[in-house]
Amino acid sequence: MESGESAKVSSLRWGILRRALLHRSATKPTDDRSNATHKRISRKSAKGFNLLPFCFTRKSPDGNESGSRDVCLRFTLPVTGSPSICLYQRMDDDVPDLQDFEICNKYNIDNTGLVCRWPSEDVLAYYCLNHPDIFRSKTVIELGSGYGLAGLVIGAINKATKVTITDGNPQVVDYIQHNINVNSDVFGSTEVTSMLLHWNECDTVDISGTFDVIVASDCTFFKEFHKGLARTVKSLLRRDSASEAIFFNPKRGDSLDKFITEIKENGLQFTLTENYDPEVWKLHQEFVDGTNNESWPNYQTDHCYPLLLRITL
């Protein structure tokens, strides 16, 4: 593998694949140069807005150790009664597994849902927590949910009648279902389920027009999925004036703009809001001007700050 600043990104990515292939005989790379290279090309976000307080634990609610690749994040929700949510996910420093690449190729998906909990999902979960009436007596679906934090928070709010948490990666859906199972006691009368849903390939006829609210975070990065995602949104929304989709996405170059073009071509209406919450906006400004540099030293608005996109029929 090439080293130094002149190394091509393609060569560096092959290095990550090599690490995955060697993972079965070496549990963790010890070469500091390899670690630095991985950090240089990875899009994984090591920081975030940290709007919901949480602590790490390797133990499940019953006191048993979790799986060797997993860590449990226990979120305390700042609402009446201070309920907590346990979110199981891969360890941040875990090495990619060859099976991850095999599944991505088989199902024509990406593995970003396994990489980490992305900052946009924290913002989405926080926004949902602060606007519970959006979900009162509604059926809700989360698209591309990753480990499912936002969907679990909506379930814990106890306002929605049903929450369906989805992803196109079957490995991710397994995590979602596990997280639903371990948090079932906080959902009250809200029914919370998981579902495998691929925007480009999945037939949505059975659930077409059945959801009042769609939520999603950071789902517009991959442009090859834009058409399928826009069609999925149009298909899933209930045919009435009150239904809507709530997306939180950074601009990421022209990626968000191109998705909005697809939204318009599908005859959907939209609004795009930059300043939608005083606390999120305050943190954003601190990251930009450097007064909160230690919390997020490499913060870039285009890549990190999620805009609020609301879509209606």
Protein backbone atom coordinates (compact mmCIF):
# COMPACT_ATOMS: atom_id res chain seq x y z
CA MET A 1 0.00 0.00 0.00
CA GLU A 2 1.29 3.48 -0.84
CA SER A 3 2.05 5.84 2.02
CA GLY A 4 2.40 9.61 2.42
CA GLU A 5 0.30 12.47 1.17
CA SER A 6 0.72 11.42 -2.48
CA ALA A 7 -1.05 8.10 -2.00
CA LYS A 8 -4.20 7.79 -4.09
CA VAL A 9 -7.53 7.41 -2.30
CA SER A 10 -8.29 4.24 -4.29
CA SER A 11 -5.07 2.64 -2.99
CA LEU A 12 -5.94 3.65 0.55
CA ARG A 13 -9.40 2.14 0.28
CA TRP A 14 -7.88 -1.11 -0.93
CA GLY A 15 -5.87 -0.98 2.28
CA ILE A 16 -9.07 -0.96 4.31
CA LEU A 17 -10.27 -4.03 2.37
CA ARG A 18 -6.93 -5.70 3.06
CA ARG A 19 -7.41 -5.08 6.78
CA ALA A 20 -10.84 -6.70 6.55
CA LEU A 21 -9.38 -9.76 4.82
CA LEU A 22 -6.69 -10.09 7.48
CA HIS A 23 -9.11 -9.45 10.35
CA ARG A 24 -9.62 -13.14 11.08
CA SER A 25 -5.93 -13.64 11.87
CA ALA A 26 -5.18 -10.22 13.38
CA THR A 27 -7.88 -8.67 15.53
CA LYS A 28 -6.61 -5.11 15.35
CA PRO A 29 -3.97 -3.21 13.36
CA THR A 30 -0.99 -2.01 15.37
CA ASP A 31 0.70 0.08 12.70
CA ASP A 32 0.25 3.73 13.67
CA ARG A 33 0.77 4.78 10.05
CA SER A 34 -2.07 2.47 8.95
CA ASN A 35 -4.37 3.92 11.59
CA ALA A 36 -3.53 7.48 10.51
CA THR A 37 -4.20 6.58 6.88
CA HIS A 38 -7.59 5.07 7.73
CA LYS A 39 -8.60 8.23 9.60
CA ARG A 40 -7.47 10.35 6.66
CA ILE A 41 -9.81 8.72 4.13
CA SER A 42 -12.70 7.64 6.34
CA ARG A 43 -15.94 9.63 6.22
CA LYS A 44 -16.87 8.39 9.68
CA SER A 45 -17.65 11.26 12.04
CA ALA A 46 -15.84 10.99 15.35
CA LYS A 47 -17.72 13.94 16.83
CA GLY A 48 -21.28 15.17 16.99
CA PHE A 49 -23.75 17.59 18.50
CA ASN A 50 -24.22 15.40 21.61
CA LEU A 51 -27.71 16.71 22.23
CA LEU A 52 -28.92 13.65 24.15
CA PRO A 53 -26.91 12.62 27.23
CA PHE A 54 -25.59 9.06 27.14
CA CYS A 55 -23.05 6.74 28.72
CA PHE A 56 -21.20 3.71 27.36
CA THR A 57 -21.54 0.22 28.75
CA ARG A 58 -20.62 -3.23 27.53
CA LYS A 59 -23.45 -4.77 29.52
CA SER A 60 -27.06 -5.41 28.53
CA PRO A 61 -30.01 -4.37 30.75
CA ASP A 62 -29.96 -7.82 32.41
CA GLY A 63 -26.31 -7.32 33.44
CA ASN A 64 -24.74 -9.70 30.92
CA GLU A 65 -21.84 -8.74 28.69
CA SER A 66 -22.83 -7.74 25.15
CA GLY A 67 -21.28 -9.25 22.02
CA SER A 68 -17.55 -8.83 21.46
CA ARG A 69 -18.06 -6.40 18.56
CA ASP A 70 -20.82 -4.40 20.20
CA VAL A 71 -21.12 -1.58 22.68
CA CYS A 72 -24.28 -0.34 24.37
CA LEU A 73 -25.04 3.37 24.57
CA ARG A 74 -27.57 4.21 27.27
CA PHE A 75 -29.39 7.46 26.44
CA THR A 76 -31.31 9.35 29.10
CA LEU A 77 -34.17 11.26 27.49
CA PRO A 78 -34.75 14.72 28.98
CA VAL A 79 -38.51 14.31 29.34
CA THR A 80 -40.90 13.59 32.20
CA GLY A 81 -39.77 10.47 34.02
CA SER A 82 -36.34 10.53 32.29
CA PRO A 83 -36.74 7.21 30.46
CA SER A 84 -33.57 5.63 29.08
CA ILE A 85 -32.94 3.91 25.74
CA CYS A 86 -30.25 1.29 25.16
CA LEU A 87 -28.71 1.45 21.70
CA TYR A 88 -26.47 -1.41 20.62
CA GLN A 89 -23.98 -0.66 17.86
CA ARG A 90 -20.57 -1.69 16.58
CA MET A 91 -17.59 -0.38 18.52
CA ASP A 92 -16.25 2.80 16.92
CA ASP A 93 -12.73 1.39 16.54
CA ASP A 94 -13.86 -1.99 15.22
CA VAL A 95 -12.16 -3.36 12.10
CA PRO A 96 -14.33 -3.87 8.97
CA ASP A 97 -15.33 -7.48 8.35
CA LEU A 98 -15.18 -9.15 4.94
CA GLN A 99 -18.83 -10.15 5.37
CA ASP A 100 -19.78 -6.46 5.43
CA PHE A 101 -18.40 -6.03 1.90
CA GLU A 102 -20.01 -9.26 0.69
CA ILE A 103 -23.45 -8.17 1.91
CA CYS A 104 -23.05 -4.70 0.41
CA ASN A 105 -22.33 -6.27 -2.98
CA LYS A 106 -25.12 -8.82 -2.70
CA TYR A 107 -27.85 -6.33 -1.77
CA ASN A 108 -26.48 -3.28 -3.66
CA ILE A 109 -26.29 -1.21 -0.49
CA ASP A 110 -23.71 0.71 1.50
CA ASN A 111 -22.55 -0.15 5.00
CA THR A 112 -22.68 3.35 6.50
CA GLY A 113 -25.41 2.24 8.90
CA LEU A 114 -22.85 -0.03 10.60
CA VAL A 115 -20.01 2.49 10.71
CA CYS A 116 -21.24 4.71 13.54
CA ARG A 117 -24.14 6.78 14.80
CA TRP A 118 -24.08 9.83 12.51
CA PRO A 119 -24.50 13.41 13.82
CA SER A 120 -27.60 14.05 11.69
CA GLU A 121 -29.41 11.21 13.46
CA ASP A 122 -28.66 12.80 16.84
CA VAL A 123 -30.20 16.04 15.56
CA LEU A 124 -33.23 14.19 14.15
CA ALA A 125 -33.79 12.35 17.46
CA TYR A 126 -33.46 15.61 19.41
CA TYR A 127 -35.87 17.41 17.07
CA CYS A 128 -38.44 14.61 17.37
CA LEU A 129 -38.14 14.68 21.15
CA ASN A 130 -38.83 18.43 21.18
CA HIS A 131 -41.79 18.22 18.77
CA PRO A 132 -43.81 15.26 20.08
CA ASP A 133 -47.14 16.53 18.73
CA ILE A 134 -45.93 15.82 15.19
CA PHE A 135 -46.43 12.13 15.99
CA ARG A 136 -49.65 12.22 17.98
CA SER A 137 -51.90 9.34 16.81
CA LYS A 138 -49.75 8.97 13.67
CA THR A 139 -48.14 6.07 11.84
CA VAL A 140 -44.42 6.76 11.41
CA ILE A 141 -41.63 5.20 9.36
CA GLU A 142 -37.91 5.92 9.58
CA LEU A 143 -35.89 5.36 6.38
CA GLY A 144 -32.22 4.40 6.33
CA SER A 145 -32.23 4.39 10.10
CA GLY A 146 -28.87 2.85 10.92
CA TYR A 147 -29.04 1.63 14.50
CA GLY A 148 -32.46 3.23 14.92
CA LEU A 149 -31.97 5.97 17.51
CA ALA A 150 -34.58 8.39 16.09
CA GLY A 151 -37.20 5.68 15.65
CA LEU A 152 -36.63 4.41 19.18
CA VAL A 153 -36.97 7.94 20.55
CA ILE A 154 -40.25 8.41 18.68
CA GLY A 155 -41.46 5.12 20.15
CA ALA A 156 -40.47 6.25 23.65
CA ILE A 157 -42.39 9.51 23.26
CA ASN A 158 -45.57 7.35 23.33
CA LYS A 159 -47.52 9.62 20.97
CA ALA A 160 -47.45 7.60 17.72
CA THR A 161 -49.69 4.60 17.16
CA LYS A 162 -47.01 2.73 15.22
CA VAL A 163 -43.33 3.26 14.38
CA THR A 164 -41.60 1.22 11.68
CA ILE A 165 -37.79 1.45 11.68
CA THR A 166 -36.19 0.43 8.38
CA ASP A 167 -32.88 0.03 6.58
CA GLY A 168 -31.74 -1.60 3.34
CA ASN A 169 -28.92 -3.55 4.99
CA PRO A 170 -30.06 -6.82 6.63
CA GLN A 171 -27.18 -6.64 9.13
CA VAL A 172 -28.42 -3.24 10.25
CA VAL A 173 -32.01 -4.48 10.51
CA ASP A 174 -30.78 -7.20 12.88
CA TYR A 175 -29.36 -4.48 15.14
CA ILE A 176 -32.59 -2.49 14.87
CA GLN A 177 -34.70 -5.47 15.93
CA HIS A 178 -32.37 -6.20 18.84
CA ASN A 179 -32.60 -2.57 19.95
CA ILE A 180 -36.40 -2.72 19.71
CA ASN A 181 -36.45 -5.89 21.84
CA VAL A 182 -34.30 -4.50 24.65
CA ASN A 183 -36.29 -1.25 24.80
CA SER A 184 -39.80 -2.69 24.51
CA ASP A 185 -40.76 -1.65 28.04
CA VAL A 186 -40.51 2.09 27.23
CA PHE A 187 -42.80 2.15 24.20
CA GLY A 188 -46.09 1.98 26.09
CA SER A 189 -48.99 1.55 23.67
CA THR A 190 -46.87 2.50 20.63
CA GLU A 191 -46.18 -0.48 18.37
CA VAL A 192 -42.54 -0.47 17.22
CA THR A 193 -41.34 -2.84 14.47
CA SER A 194 -38.37 -3.26 12.12
CA MET A 195 -38.38 -3.82 8.36
CA LEU A 196 -35.90 -4.41 5.53
CA LEU A 197 -36.57 -1.69 2.95
CA HIS A 198 -34.36 -1.00 -0.08
CA TRP A 199 -35.37 2.19 -1.91
CA ASN A 200 -34.17 1.05 -5.33
CA GLU A 201 -35.40 -2.53 -5.26
CA CYS A 202 -38.11 -3.07 -2.67
CA ASP A 203 -41.74 -3.23 -3.80
CA THR A 204 -43.70 -0.97 -1.43
CA VAL A 205 -47.18 -1.86 -2.71
CA ASP A 206 -48.20 -3.51 0.59
CA ILE A 207 -47.36 -0.39 2.61
CA SER A 208 -48.06 2.25 -0.02
CA GLY A 209 -49.93 5.30 1.28
CA THR A 210 -49.98 4.07 4.88
CA PHE A 211 -47.71 6.51 6.75
CA ASP A 212 -48.53 9.92 8.15
CA VAL A 213 -44.91 10.83 8.89
CA ILE A 214 -41.60 9.77 7.34
CA VAL A 215 -38.34 10.63 9.11
CA ALA A 216 -34.78 10.19 7.85
CA SER A 217 -31.28 11.52 8.51
CA ASP A 218 -28.26 11.78 6.21
CA CYS A 219 -29.93 9.65 3.53
CA THR A 220 -29.10 11.82 0.49
CA PHE A 221 -25.33 11.35 0.36
CA PHE A 222 -25.30 8.61 -2.30
CA LYS A 223 -26.66 10.12 -5.51
CA GLU A 224 -27.35 6.72 -7.10
CA PHE A 225 -30.15 6.22 -4.56
CA HIS A 226 -31.84 9.61 -5.08
CA LYS A 227 -34.45 8.46 -7.59
CA GLY A 228 -35.43 5.44 -5.52
CA LEU A 229 -35.58 7.46 -2.31
CA ALA A 230 -37.79 10.16 -3.86
CA ARG A 231 -40.15 7.52 -5.30
CA THR A 232 -40.25 5.74 -1.94
CA VAL A 233 -41.22 8.93 -0.11
CA LYS A 234 -44.02 9.62 -2.59
CA SER A 235 -45.24 6.02 -2.37
CA LEU A 236 -45.28 5.72 1.42
CA LEU A 237 -46.97 9.00 2.39
CA ARG A 238 -50.65 8.81 3.18
CA ARG A 239 -52.72 10.65 0.59
CA ASP A 240 -53.82 13.61 2.69
CA SER A 241 -52.65 17.15 3.30
CA ALA A 242 -51.31 16.42 6.80
CA SER A 243 -48.74 13.78 5.82
CA GLU A 244 -45.09 14.82 5.54
CA ALA A 245 -41.50 13.62 5.42
CA ILE A 246 -38.91 15.16 7.76
CA PHE A 247 -35.31 14.84 6.57
CA PHE A 248 -32.12 16.11 8.21
CA ASN A 249 -29.20 16.22 5.77
CA PRO A 250 -25.96 18.18 5.32
CA LYS A 251 -25.53 19.70 1.86
CA ARG A 252 -22.45 17.56 1.04
CA GLY A 253 -21.53 19.45 -2.10
CA ASP A 254 -24.39 19.27 -4.59
CA SER A 255 -25.83 16.02 -3.21
CA LEU A 256 -28.76 17.56 -1.31
CA ASP A 257 -29.54 19.90 -4.23
CA LYS A 258 -29.70 16.95 -6.62
CA PHE A 259 -32.05 15.07 -4.29
CA ILE A 260 -34.32 18.12 -4.13
CA THR A 261 -34.38 18.07 -7.95
CA GLU A 262 -35.68 14.49 -7.77
CA ILE A 263 -38.29 15.56 -5.21
CA LYS A 264 -39.57 18.25 -7.57
CA GLU A 265 -39.59 15.88 -10.56
CA ASN A 266 -41.83 13.54 -8.54
CA GLY A 267 -44.34 16.36 -8.03
CA LEU A 268 -43.59 16.74 -4.33
CA GLN A 269 -43.49 20.02 -2.42
CA PHE A 270 -40.70 20.97 -0.02
CA THR A 271 -39.29 23.57 2.35
CA LEU A 272 -35.63 23.83 3.38
CA THR A 273 -34.74 25.42 6.73
CA GLU A 274 -31.28 26.28 8.00
CA ASN A 275 -32.08 27.56 11.51
CA TYR A 276 -34.74 25.24 12.97
CA ASP A 277 -33.70 24.90 16.64
CA PRO A 278 -31.94 27.45 18.90
CA GLU A 279 -29.70 24.90 20.66
CA VAL A 280 -28.58 23.19 17.45
CA TRP A 281 -27.95 26.57 15.82
CA LYS A 282 -25.94 27.76 18.85
CA LEU A 283 -23.70 24.68 18.71
CA HIS A 284 -23.30 25.07 14.96
CA GLN A 285 -22.14 28.67 15.36
CA GLU A 286 -19.66 27.67 18.07
CA PHE A 287 -18.19 24.96 15.85
CA VAL A 288 -17.90 27.38 12.94
CA ASP A 289 -16.22 30.23 14.83
CA GLY A 290 -13.94 27.91 16.80
CA THR A 291 -15.18 28.68 20.31
CA ASN A 292 -16.05 24.98 20.69
CA ASN A 293 -13.07 23.68 18.75
CA GLU A 294 -12.17 20.89 21.17
CA SER A 295 -15.60 19.27 20.76
CA TRP A 296 -15.41 19.12 16.97
CA PRO A 297 -12.05 20.36 15.62
CA ASN A 298 -12.59 19.42 11.95
CA TYR A 299 -16.13 20.77 11.68
CA GLN A 300 -17.22 21.81 8.18
CA THR A 301 -20.69 23.24 7.59
CA ASP A 302 -21.14 21.59 4.19
CA HIS A 303 -20.30 18.13 5.50
CA CYS A 304 -21.49 18.30 9.13
CA TYR A 305 -24.44 20.66 9.60
CA PRO A 306 -27.83 19.08 8.79
CA LEU A 307 -30.50 21.21 7.14
CA LEU A 308 -34.18 20.49 7.78
CA LEU A 309 -35.97 19.35 4.61
CA ARG A 310 -39.76 18.92 4.94
CA ILE A 311 -41.52 17.18 2.04
CA THR A 312 -45.26 17.02 1.36
CA LEU A 313 -47.49 15.69 -1.41
